[in-house]
C-alpha atoms as a PDB file:
ATOM      1  CA  MET A   1     -24.292 -41.027  -0.412  1.00  0.00           C
ATOM      2  CA  GLU A   2     -27.815 -41.909  -1.482  1.00  0.00           C
ATOM      3  CA  GLU A   3     -28.308 -44.783  -3.900  1.00  0.00           C
ATOM      4  CA  GLU A   4     -30.343 -43.975  -6.995  1.00  0.00           C
ATOM      5  CA  ARG A   5     -33.412 -46.161  -7.463  1.00  0.00           C
ATOM      6  CA  ILE A   6     -34.470 -47.136 -10.970  1.00  0.00           C
ATOM      7  CA  THR A   7     -38.036 -48.248 -11.605  1.00  0.00           C
ATOM      8  CA  LEU A   8     -38.534 -50.244 -14.783  1.00  0.00           C
ATOM      9  CA  LYS A   9     -41.842 -50.793 -16.494  1.00  0.00           C
ATOM     10  CA  PRO A  10     -42.631 -54.421 -17.457  1.00  0.00           C
ATOM     11  CA  ARG A  11     -41.624 -53.807 -21.090  1.00  0.00           C
ATOM     12  CA  GLU A  12     -38.284 -52.286 -20.047  1.00  0.00           C
ATOM     13  CA  LEU A  13     -37.637 -55.125 -17.615  1.00  0.00           C
ATOM     14  CA  LYS A  14     -38.202 -57.684 -20.384  1.00  0.00           C
ATOM     15  CA  ARG A  15     -35.820 -55.766 -22.654  1.00  0.00           C
ATOM     16  CA  TYR A  16     -33.201 -55.623 -19.899  1.00  0.00           C
ATOM     17  CA  GLU A  17     -33.406 -59.361 -19.206  1.00  0.00           C
ATOM     18  CA  VAL A  18     -33.103 -60.280 -22.900  1.00  0.00           C
ATOM     19  CA  ILE A  19     -30.199 -57.870 -23.436  1.00  0.00           C
ATOM     20  CA  LYS A  20     -28.382 -59.283 -20.386  1.00  0.00           C
ATOM     21  CA  ARG A  21     -28.780 -62.784 -21.876  1.00  0.00           C
ATOM     22  CA  LEU A  22     -27.504 -61.478 -25.205  1.00  0.00           C
ATOM     23  CA  LEU A  23     -24.439 -59.876 -23.594  1.00  0.00           C
ATOM     24  CA  ARG A  24     -23.699 -63.191 -21.833  1.00  0.00           C
ATOM     25  CA  LYS A  25     -24.000 -64.839 -25.273  1.00  0.00           C
ATOM     26  CA  GLU A  26     -26.860 -67.096 -24.207  1.00  0.00           C
ATOM     27  CA  VAL A  27     -28.958 -66.021 -27.214  1.00  0.00           C
ATOM     28  CA  ARG A  28     -28.128 -64.748 -30.684  1.00  0.00           C
ATOM     29  CA  GLN A  29     -28.791 -61.205 -31.799  1.00  0.00           C
ATOM     30  CA  GLU A  30     -31.359 -62.266 -34.386  1.00  0.00           C
ATOM     31  CA  SER A  31     -33.342 -64.234 -31.796  1.00  0.00           C
ATOM     32  CA  ALA A  32     -33.212 -61.416 -29.257  1.00  0.00           C
ATOM     33  CA  ALA A  33     -34.364 -58.881 -31.852  1.00  0.00           C
ATOM     34  CA  ALA A  34     -37.288 -61.125 -32.772  1.00  0.00           C
ATOM     35  CA  LEU A  35     -38.239 -61.625 -29.108  1.00  0.00           C
ATOM     36  CA  LEU A  36     -38.277 -57.871 -28.506  1.00  0.00           C
ATOM     37  CA  GLU A  37     -39.796 -57.048 -31.904  1.00  0.00           C
ATOM     38  CA  LEU A  38     -36.881 -54.736 -32.740  1.00  0.00           C
ATOM     39  CA  THR A  39     -34.517 -54.439 -35.672  1.00  0.00           C
ATOM     40  CA  SER A  40     -30.908 -55.531 -35.276  1.00  0.00           C
ATOM     41  CA  ARG A  41     -29.810 -51.903 -35.375  1.00  0.00           C
ATOM     42  CA  GLN A  42     -32.234 -50.866 -32.605  1.00  0.00           C
ATOM     43  CA  LEU A  43     -31.029 -53.791 -30.515  1.00  0.00           C
ATOM     44  CA  ARG A  44     -27.356 -52.851 -30.993  1.00  0.00           C
ATOM     45  CA  ASN A  45     -28.127 -49.304 -29.849  1.00  0.00           C
ATOM     46  CA  LEU A  46     -29.885 -50.594 -26.727  1.00  0.00           C
ATOM     47  CA  MET A  47     -27.009 -52.992 -26.023  1.00  0.00           C
ATOM     48  CA  GLY A  48     -24.558 -50.112 -26.094  1.00  0.00           C
ATOM     49  CA  ARG A  49     -26.646 -48.089 -23.660  1.00  0.00           C
ATOM     50  CA  VAL A  50     -26.995 -51.064 -21.305  1.00  0.00           C
ATOM     51  CA  ARG A  51     -23.224 -51.630 -21.388  1.00  0.00           C
ATOM     52  CA  GLU A  52     -22.572 -47.970 -20.524  1.00  0.00           C
ATOM     53  CA  GLN A  53     -25.409 -47.173 -18.120  1.00  0.00           C
ATOM     54  CA  GLY A  54     -26.902 -50.482 -17.043  1.00  0.00           C
ATOM     55  CA  ALA A  55     -30.676 -50.651 -16.605  1.00  0.00           C
ATOM     56  CA  LYS A  56     -30.846 -46.850 -16.525  1.00  0.00           C
ATOM     57  CA  GLY A  57     -30.007 -46.853 -20.250  1.00  0.00           C
ATOM     58  CA  LEU A  58     -33.428 -48.303 -21.058  1.00  0.00           C
ATOM     59  CA  VAL A  59     -35.389 -45.608 -19.217  1.00  0.00           C
ATOM     60  CA  HIS A  60     -36.532 -42.566 -21.191  1.00  0.00           C
ATOM     61  CA  GLY A  61     -34.483 -39.493 -20.334  1.00  0.00           C
ATOM     62  CA  ASN A  62     -37.507 -37.335 -19.485  1.00  0.00           C
ATOM     63  CA  ARG A  63     -38.929 -39.711 -16.895  1.00  0.00           C
ATOM     64  CA  GLY A  64     -39.277 -38.129 -13.489  1.00  0.00           C
ATOM     65  CA  LYS A  65     -39.023 -34.550 -14.688  1.00  0.00           C
END
């Protein structure tokens, strides 16, 4: 079985790293939202996608098509 490769842009990589820190409870949601220049609601949505799909959740669905 072939492993799927995910390529993240620098902005997506930064988001992924901050969200991982948030999920490990190293930073607070308000601080993470400020770092990423997102609202708390946008950050919660991204957190949910990262929990479900991992880094792939941050990549736009049309990429590669």
